[in-house]
Amino acid sequence: MDAFIVDAVRSPIGRKNGTLSVLRGDDLAAQVLNGLVSRHDIDPLEIEDVQMGCVTQIGEQGWNVGRMAVMAAGWPVEVSATTVDRQCGSSMQTNFNAAAAVMAGQLDLVVSAGVEMMSRVPMGSNGGSISERVTDRFEIVMQGTSAELLAEEWGLSREELDAFSLESHRRAIAASDSGRFDREIVPIELPDGAGGPTPHSVESTQSGGAAVAAPAVFAVDEAPRRETSAEALAALKPAFRPDGVVTAGNSSQIVDGSAAVLIASAAAVDRLGLRPRARFVSFGLAGVDPTRMLHGNPQAMEKALAKAGLTMDDMSVIEVNEAFASVVLQTVKDLRLEERMDDVNPNGGGISLGHPLGATGARITSTLVSELERRNARYGIASMCVGFGMAIAGVVERV
């Protein structure tokens, strides 16, 4: 059975302590959920389950934030929800869960979603000590240290990492300015009197960078940095090793955001008069060395492609989460994609748009589907490295 993507949307992404930081995660996700169903005039009671990815499940993101978002959205109590943590791949995993349930004939209409308010719920605040049974087997390091290990092992220079990062910002800004993100973004209503500076608004640019009050509705990504340059990136100090090559500039940004994907069976499509945009073809999972931890994208992608009976040559768009520039360039080298860089993250990624942990898988799905449509292309693939040595990938076909 097919699992169709009826739609895939997201909030605009807010910088750390930026415009979205006035909202709780469940309240932000609620607006995205409502934006998703309102586009198709669907009664939320038709939704059988909401699978919500979230990494830091504590405080405002605790208590099963997926269920809290459903209730905050005003949906009927009959709509169930759960919250999933596969770390950075959490809402790619909820794609997997929801699609698998539809393919198995157990559910007909499901929402795969994600949320992470990194301004309000600090990354790692839900973690504790690690078992000695684990540390006796493996050297457990920070992800930034792992990114350094990848750069060293794959021979990636600081100049290469910074050049990739600068291009990520250029692509994201071009996509935003040309309206490519318009279809996927659900404008977010802010509380009365909320807001703050909007660094990339026309007004603030013309006024020499002076702070301008944010609008009541937030609708444009604010993480891409128009002011950055090769010189600015080169001036940043290494973040994890004194003599290292990984900096804040070639790493993903800490941001706030939410995203959601509406997944339906053929029966639900027919019954509700829906028009699918794409379908999930296959998924792949990989487990790899937990110290180098971030190098599993090629393995996960190869598994997903093998299950689909396809190759990378069939993929018109290739999304690799920009957790760090070294992760993407390592994936490019392993899969011999150097001549296809125009197809890899063509609208930027986590370095420019930001990486709202639990929401990124669904966000990438939204961007991937939109880009397939823009190119009038058939297949695309998305992949994400995952903490402690995992990766997840999914193949999508435009319909």
Protein backbone atom coordinates (compact mmCIF):
# COMPACT_ATOMS: atom_id res chain seq x y z
CA MET A 1 0.00 0.00 0.00
CA ASP A 2 1.13 3.55 -0.69
CA ALA A 3 1.78 6.21 1.93
CA PHE A 4 1.06 9.51 0.20
CA ILE A 5 2.40 12.90 1.25
CA VAL A 6 -0.64 15.14 0.92
CA ASP A 7 1.25 18.17 2.18
CA ALA A 8 4.36 19.11 4.14
CA VAL A 9 4.65 22.44 5.93
CA ARG A 10 6.75 24.20 8.52
CA SER A 11 7.01 27.32 10.56
CA PRO A 12 9.53 29.95 9.55
CA ILE A 13 12.69 29.22 11.51
CA GLY A 14 13.66 31.63 14.26
CA ARG A 15 17.14 32.43 15.49
CA LYS A 16 18.12 31.54 19.02
CA ASN A 17 16.38 34.03 21.35
CA GLY A 18 14.77 35.50 18.25
CA THR A 19 11.23 36.10 17.10
CA LEU A 20 9.80 32.64 17.86
CA SER A 21 11.30 32.44 21.34
CA VAL A 22 8.20 34.08 22.84
CA LEU A 23 6.24 30.90 22.08
CA ARG A 24 6.17 27.55 23.85
CA GLY A 25 6.96 24.53 21.70
CA ASP A 26 3.51 22.99 22.04
CA ASP A 27 1.87 26.30 21.10
CA LEU A 28 4.13 26.71 18.05
CA ALA A 29 3.50 23.14 16.92
CA ALA A 30 -0.25 23.69 17.41
CA GLN A 31 -0.20 26.53 14.88
CA VAL A 32 1.67 24.39 12.37
CA LEU A 33 -0.80 21.51 12.83
CA ASN A 34 -3.73 23.84 12.25
CA GLY A 35 -2.04 25.39 9.24
CA LEU A 36 -1.57 21.93 7.76
CA VAL A 37 -5.18 20.77 8.00
CA SER A 38 -6.70 24.16 7.13
CA ARG A 39 -5.05 24.10 3.71
CA HIS A 40 -7.14 21.06 2.82
CA ASP A 41 -10.32 21.78 4.76
CA ILE A 42 -9.82 18.59 6.77
CA ASP A 43 -11.72 18.02 10.00
CA PRO A 44 -8.98 17.23 12.55
CA LEU A 45 -11.18 14.39 13.79
CA GLU A 46 -10.14 12.56 10.60
CA ILE A 47 -6.54 12.44 11.87
CA GLU A 48 -5.95 9.08 13.56
CA ASP A 49 -2.61 9.86 15.14
CA VAL A 50 0.06 12.56 15.42
CA GLN A 51 3.66 11.39 15.66
CA MET A 52 5.77 14.28 17.00
CA GLY A 53 9.57 14.30 16.93
CA CYS A 54 11.28 16.14 19.78
CA VAL A 55 14.75 15.64 21.19
CA THR A 56 14.81 17.59 24.45
CA GLN A 57 11.71 16.22 26.11
CA ILE A 58 11.78 18.11 29.39
CA GLY A 59 10.08 21.19 30.82
CA GLU A 60 7.77 22.77 28.26
CA GLN A 61 8.65 19.98 25.84
CA GLY A 62 7.83 17.25 28.33
CA TRP A 63 4.57 15.52 29.15
CA ASN A 64 4.35 14.06 25.61
CA VAL A 65 4.62 17.34 23.73
CA GLY A 66 2.88 15.78 20.73
CA ARG A 67 -0.30 15.26 22.72
CA MET A 68 0.03 18.70 24.28
CA ALA A 69 0.31 20.27 20.80
CA VAL A 70 -2.82 18.45 19.63
CA MET A 71 -4.76 19.75 22.63
CA ALA A 72 -3.31 23.27 22.24
CA ALA A 73 -4.46 23.21 18.61
CA GLY A 74 -8.02 22.73 19.79
CA TRP A 75 -8.33 19.36 18.07
CA PRO A 76 -10.85 16.78 19.34
CA VAL A 77 -9.69 14.67 22.26
CA GLU A 78 -10.14 11.60 20.08
CA VAL A 79 -6.98 12.53 18.11
CA SER A 80 -4.13 10.65 19.77
CA ALA A 81 -0.46 11.60 19.68
CA THR A 82 2.93 10.41 20.76
CA THR A 83 6.43 11.90 20.96
CA VAL A 84 9.51 10.25 19.44
CA ASP A 85 13.22 10.77 20.09
CA ARG A 86 15.74 9.55 17.55
CA GLN A 87 17.74 12.65 18.34
CA CYS A 88 18.43 14.72 15.20
CA GLY A 89 16.48 12.22 13.11
CA SER A 90 13.36 12.36 15.28
CA SER A 91 10.85 13.70 12.76
CA MET A 92 12.41 11.65 9.97
CA GLN A 93 11.65 8.71 12.24
CA THR A 94 8.06 9.91 12.68
CA ASN A 95 7.84 9.99 8.86
CA PHE A 96 8.99 6.37 8.94
CA ASN A 97 6.52 5.42 11.70
CA ALA A 98 3.54 7.12 10.09
CA ALA A 99 4.29 5.86 6.59
CA ALA A 100 4.84 2.31 7.85
CA ALA A 101 1.49 2.36 9.66
CA VAL A 102 -0.27 3.50 6.50
CA MET A 103 1.59 1.01 4.31
CA ALA A 104 0.62 -1.77 6.72
CA GLY A 105 -3.04 -0.81 6.55
CA GLN A 106 -3.28 0.05 10.23
CA LEU A 107 -3.90 3.79 9.80
CA ASP A 108 -5.32 5.89 6.98
CA LEU A 109 -4.50 9.50 7.91
CA VAL A 110 -1.56 10.44 10.12
CA VAL A 111 0.49 13.54 10.83
CA SER A 112 4.26 13.24 11.18
CA ALA A 113 5.58 16.35 12.89
CA GLY A 114 8.40 17.79 14.93
CA VAL A 115 9.20 20.69 17.20
CA GLU A 116 12.22 22.09 19.02
CA MET A 117 12.38 25.38 20.89
CA MET A 118 16.10 25.53 21.51
CA SER A 119 15.86 29.06 22.91
CA ARG A 120 13.59 27.89 25.72
CA VAL A 121 14.62 24.27 26.31
CA PRO A 122 18.42 24.04 26.09
CA MET A 123 19.92 21.20 24.09
CA GLY A 124 21.16 18.44 26.40
CA SER A 125 19.13 19.59 29.41
CA ASN A 126 17.31 16.25 29.49
CA GLY A 127 20.52 14.21 29.57
CA GLY A 128 22.26 12.55 32.50
CA SER A 129 25.30 10.41 33.09
CA ILE A 130 26.21 7.64 30.65
CA SER A 131 26.51 4.04 31.79
CA GLU A 132 30.00 2.71 32.40
CA ARG A 133 28.98 -0.27 30.28
CA VAL A 134 28.85 2.17 27.37
CA THR A 135 31.94 4.22 28.21
CA ASP A 136 33.96 1.02 28.69
CA ARG A 137 33.16 0.09 25.08
CA PHE A 138 33.30 3.47 23.38
CA GLU A 139 34.91 6.89 23.69
CA ILE A 140 31.89 9.16 23.98
CA VAL A 141 32.63 12.65 22.64
CA MET A 142 30.69 15.78 21.75
CA GLN A 143 29.20 15.89 18.28
CA GLY A 144 31.48 18.79 17.41
CA THR A 145 34.47 16.63 18.25
CA SER A 146 33.05 13.94 16.00
CA ALA A 147 32.72 16.53 13.23
CA GLU A 148 36.42 17.26 13.70
CA LEU A 149 37.22 13.55 13.42
CA LEU A 150 35.33 13.36 10.13
CA ALA A 151 37.19 16.38 8.75
CA GLU A 152 40.50 14.80 9.71
CA GLU A 153 39.72 11.33 8.38
CA TRP A 154 38.21 12.52 5.11
CA GLY A 155 40.85 15.20 4.53
CA LEU A 156 38.50 18.18 4.67
CA SER A 157 40.15 21.58 5.06
CA ARG A 158 38.88 24.63 6.92
CA GLU A 159 38.61 26.41 3.57
CA GLU A 160 36.38 23.67 2.14
CA LEU A 161 34.10 23.69 5.18
CA ASP A 162 33.77 27.48 5.17
CA ALA A 163 33.16 27.61 1.41
CA PHE A 164 30.36 25.06 1.74
CA SER A 165 28.85 27.06 4.60
CA LEU A 166 28.95 30.33 2.70
CA GLU A 167 27.20 28.63 -0.23
CA SER A 168 24.54 27.29 2.14
CA HIS A 169 23.69 30.84 3.21
CA ARG A 170 23.69 32.04 -0.40
CA ARG A 171 21.31 29.29 -1.45
CA ALA A 172 18.93 29.79 1.48
CA ILE A 173 18.76 33.55 0.90
CA ALA A 174 18.16 33.06 -2.83
CA ALA A 175 15.39 30.54 -2.08
CA SER A 176 13.74 32.86 0.41
CA ASP A 177 13.96 35.94 -1.78
CA SER A 178 12.56 34.11 -4.81
CA GLY A 179 9.59 32.74 -2.88
CA ARG A 180 10.62 29.08 -3.05
CA PHE A 181 9.80 28.60 0.63
CA ASP A 182 6.43 30.35 0.48
CA ARG A 183 4.36 27.21 -0.08
CA GLU A 184 5.94 25.30 2.78
CA ILE A 185 5.80 28.05 5.41
CA VAL A 186 2.83 28.44 7.76
CA PRO A 187 2.85 32.07 9.02
CA ILE A 188 2.99 32.11 12.81
CA GLU A 189 0.90 34.46 14.91
CA LEU A 190 2.82 36.06 17.78
CA PRO A 191 1.38 37.18 21.11
CA ASP A 192 0.34 40.83 21.37
CA GLY A 193 3.38 43.00 21.91
CA ALA A 194 5.77 40.16 21.16
CA GLY A 195 8.51 40.22 18.61
CA GLY A 196 11.84 41.95 18.50
CA PRO A 197 14.34 42.84 15.84
CA THR A 198 13.93 41.34 12.38
CA PRO A 199 17.51 41.52 11.13
CA HIS A 200 16.73 40.61 7.53
CA SER A 201 13.68 42.81 6.93
CA VAL A 202 13.87 45.44 4.19
CA GLU A 203 13.30 48.16 6.77
CA SER A 204 16.18 47.14 9.00
CA THR A 205 18.54 46.84 6.01
CA GLN A 206 17.64 50.30 4.76
CA SER A 207 17.99 51.83 8.21
CA GLY A 208 21.55 50.63 8.57
CA GLY A 209 20.74 47.64 10.78
CA ALA A 210 18.60 49.43 13.35
CA ALA A 211 16.15 47.21 15.24
CA VAL A 212 12.65 47.16 13.81
CA ALA A 213 9.65 45.82 15.71
CA ALA A 214 8.63 42.37 14.49
CA PRO A 215 5.24 42.04 12.86
CA ALA A 216 2.33 40.33 14.56
CA VAL A 217 2.75 37.50 12.05
CA PHE A 218 6.15 35.89 11.50
CA ALA A 219 6.52 34.39 8.03
CA VAL A 220 10.19 34.55 6.89
CA ASP A 221 13.19 32.54 8.08
CA GLU A 222 15.52 34.74 10.09
CA ALA A 223 18.56 32.46 10.47
CA PRO A 224 20.29 32.92 7.07
CA ARG A 225 22.99 35.56 7.44
CA ARG A 226 23.07 38.07 4.62
CA GLU A 227 26.03 39.80 6.20
CA THR A 228 28.33 36.79 6.25
CA SER A 229 31.32 36.44 3.95
CA ALA A 230 34.32 34.23 3.36
CA GLU A 231 36.39 36.65 5.43
CA ALA A 232 33.90 36.63 8.31
CA LEU A 233 33.78 32.84 8.38
CA ALA A 234 37.57 32.58 8.23
CA ALA A 235 37.89 34.89 11.24
CA LEU A 236 35.92 32.56 13.55
CA LYS A 237 37.86 30.51 16.08
CA PRO A 238 37.61 26.71 16.17
CA ALA A 239 34.85 25.65 18.55
CA PHE A 240 35.99 22.21 19.68
CA ARG A 241 39.76 21.95 19.22
CA PRO A 242 42.27 24.80 19.48
CA ASP A 243 43.80 23.70 16.19
CA GLY A 244 40.57 22.40 14.68
CA VAL A 245 38.56 23.30 11.60
CA VAL A 246 34.98 23.16 12.95
CA THR A 247 33.59 26.56 13.95
CA ALA A 248 30.22 28.06 14.75
CA GLY A 249 30.15 29.25 11.14
CA ASN A 250 30.42 25.80 9.57
CA SER A 251 28.08 24.13 12.06
CA SER A 252 24.28 24.12 12.17
CA GLN A 253 22.62 27.01 13.96
CA ILE A 254 20.70 26.69 17.24
CA VAL A 255 17.16 27.74 16.33
CA ASP A 256 13.43 27.37 17.02
CA GLY A 257 10.96 25.71 14.66
CA SER A 258 8.25 23.18 13.93
CA ALA A 259 7.15 21.21 10.87
CA ALA A 260 4.44 18.72 9.91
CA VAL A 261 3.69 16.23 7.13
CA LEU A 262 0.20 14.92 6.31
CA ILE A 263 0.41 11.25 5.28
CA ALA A 264 -2.56 9.38 3.82
CA SER A 265 -3.55 6.02 2.38
CA ALA A 266 -5.13 5.76 -1.07
CA ALA A 267 -8.46 5.11 0.65
CA ALA A 268 -8.20 8.34 2.67
CA VAL A 269 -7.15 10.28 -0.42
CA ASP A 270 -10.23 9.08 -2.28
CA ARG A 271 -12.65 9.48 0.61
CA LEU A 272 -11.57 13.03 1.47
CA GLY A 273 -10.89 14.23 -2.06
CA LEU A 274 -7.22 14.94 -1.37
CA ARG A 275 -4.51 15.55 -3.97
CA PRO A 276 -1.19 13.95 -2.97
CA ARG A 277 2.03 15.73 -3.78
CA ALA A 278 4.37 12.74 -3.30
CA ARG A 279 4.71 9.34 -1.72
CA PHE A 280 7.22 7.67 0.55
CA VAL A 281 9.04 4.91 -1.34
CA SER A 282 11.45 3.45 1.23
CA PHE A 283 13.52 4.17 4.33
CA GLY A 284 16.93 3.09 5.55
CA LEU A 285 18.58 3.02 8.96
CA ALA A 286 22.25 2.71 9.83
CA GLY A 287 24.25 2.12 12.97
CA VAL A 288 27.90 3.20 12.96
CA ASP A 289 30.82 3.85 15.31
CA PRO A 290 29.51 6.05 18.19
CA THR A 291 32.75 8.03 18.46
CA ARG A 292 32.89 9.16 14.84
CA MET A 293 29.06 8.99 15.17
CA LEU A 294 28.08 11.36 12.31
CA HIS A 295 29.28 9.36 9.30
CA GLY A 296 26.29 7.06 8.73
CA ASN A 297 24.45 8.99 5.99
CA PRO A 298 25.90 7.00 3.07
CA GLN A 299 24.98 3.66 4.66
CA ALA A 300 21.41 4.76 5.47
CA MET A 301 20.93 6.18 1.97
CA GLU A 302 22.29 3.06 0.30
CA LYS A 303 19.89 0.90 2.32
CA ALA A 304 16.91 3.06 1.40
CA LEU A 305 17.91 3.02 -2.27
CA ALA A 306 18.40 -0.76 -2.28
CA LYS A 307 14.93 -1.30 -0.81
CA ALA A 308 13.46 0.92 -3.53
CA GLY A 309 15.41 -0.77 -6.32
CA LEU A 310 16.91 2.60 -7.24
CA THR A 311 20.34 4.22 -7.33
CA MET A 312 21.66 7.65 -6.51
CA ASP A 313 21.58 8.43 -10.24
CA ASP A 314 17.77 8.26 -10.00
CA MET A 315 17.69 10.95 -7.30
CA SER A 316 17.18 14.45 -8.69
CA VAL A 317 17.37 16.14 -5.29
CA ILE A 318 19.61 15.03 -2.42
CA GLU A 319 19.06 16.49 1.04
CA VAL A 320 21.75 15.81 3.65
CA ASN A 321 21.16 17.51 6.98
CA GLU A 322 23.81 20.13 7.58
CA ALA A 323 24.57 19.22 11.17
CA PHE A 324 28.13 20.24 10.29
CA ALA A 325 29.72 21.04 6.95
CA SER A 326 32.09 18.10 7.43
CA VAL A 327 29.11 15.70 7.62
CA VAL A 328 27.77 16.77 4.23
CA LEU A 329 31.16 16.83 2.52
CA GLN A 330 32.04 13.40 3.97
CA THR A 331 28.76 12.08 2.53
CA VAL A 332 29.51 13.70 -0.82
CA LYS A 333 32.95 12.09 -0.94
CA ASP A 334 31.72 8.63 0.07
CA LEU A 335 28.92 8.66 -2.53
CA ARG A 336 31.03 10.37 -5.22
CA LEU A 337 28.65 13.29 -5.57
CA GLU A 338 31.29 15.96 -6.20
CA GLU A 339 29.95 16.63 -9.71
CA ARG A 340 26.38 16.94 -8.42
CA MET A 341 26.69 19.68 -5.82
CA ASP A 342 23.84 21.63 -7.45
CA ASP A 343 21.55 18.76 -6.44
CA VAL A 344 22.76 18.58 -2.82
CA ASN A 345 20.82 20.89 -0.50
CA PRO A 346 19.91 23.27 -3.34
CA ASN A 347 18.05 25.61 -0.95
CA GLY A 348 20.53 25.61 1.90
CA GLY A 349 20.26 23.63 5.09
CA GLY A 350 21.04 23.53 8.78
CA ILE A 351 24.06 25.83 8.54
CA SER A 352 22.00 28.63 7.03
CA LEU A 353 18.38 27.83 7.91
CA GLY A 354 19.19 26.29 11.28
CA HIS A 355 18.63 22.83 12.75
CA PRO A 356 15.67 22.74 15.16
CA LEU A 357 16.58 19.19 16.20
CA GLY A 358 13.26 17.35 16.48
CA ALA A 359 11.66 19.33 13.64
CA THR A 360 14.39 19.06 11.02
CA GLY A 361 13.36 15.73 9.46
CA ALA A 362 9.88 17.03 8.69
CA ARG A 363 11.35 20.38 7.58
CA ILE A 364 13.69 18.69 5.13
CA THR A 365 10.78 16.62 3.81
CA SER A 366 8.81 19.79 3.11
CA THR A 367 11.73 21.40 1.29
CA LEU A 368 12.47 18.21 -0.66
CA VAL A 369 8.91 17.83 -1.94
CA SER A 370 8.77 21.48 -2.97
CA GLU A 371 12.07 21.24 -4.84
CA LEU A 372 10.99 18.09 -6.69
CA GLU A 373 7.92 19.99 -7.85
CA ARG A 374 9.97 23.03 -8.86
CA ARG A 375 12.24 20.84 -10.97
CA ASN A 376 9.39 18.68 -12.27
CA ALA A 377 11.52 15.77 -11.08
CA ARG A 378 10.51 12.31 -9.93
CA TYR A 379 12.71 11.07 -7.07
CA GLY A 380 14.53 12.63 -4.14
CA ILE A 381 16.26 11.37 -1.03
CA ALA A 382 16.81 12.90 2.41
CA SER A 383 19.25 11.73 5.06
CA MET A 384 20.22 12.74 8.57
CA CYS A 385 23.07 11.69 10.83
CA VAL A 386 22.01 10.87 14.39
CA GLY A 387 23.84 11.15 17.71
CA PHE A 388 25.69 8.18 19.20
CA GLY A 389 26.29 6.63 15.81
CA MET A 390 23.16 6.29 13.68
CA ALA A 391 21.59 7.68 10.52
CA ILE A 392 18.20 7.62 8.82
CA ALA A 393 17.22 8.21 5.21
CA GLY A 394 14.06 8.20 3.11
CA VAL A 395 13.28 8.11 -0.61
CA VAL A 396 10.36 10.23 -1.89
CA GLU A 397 8.63 10.12 -5.28
CA ARG A 398 6.69 13.08 -6.65
CA VAL A 399 3.20 12.12 -7.86
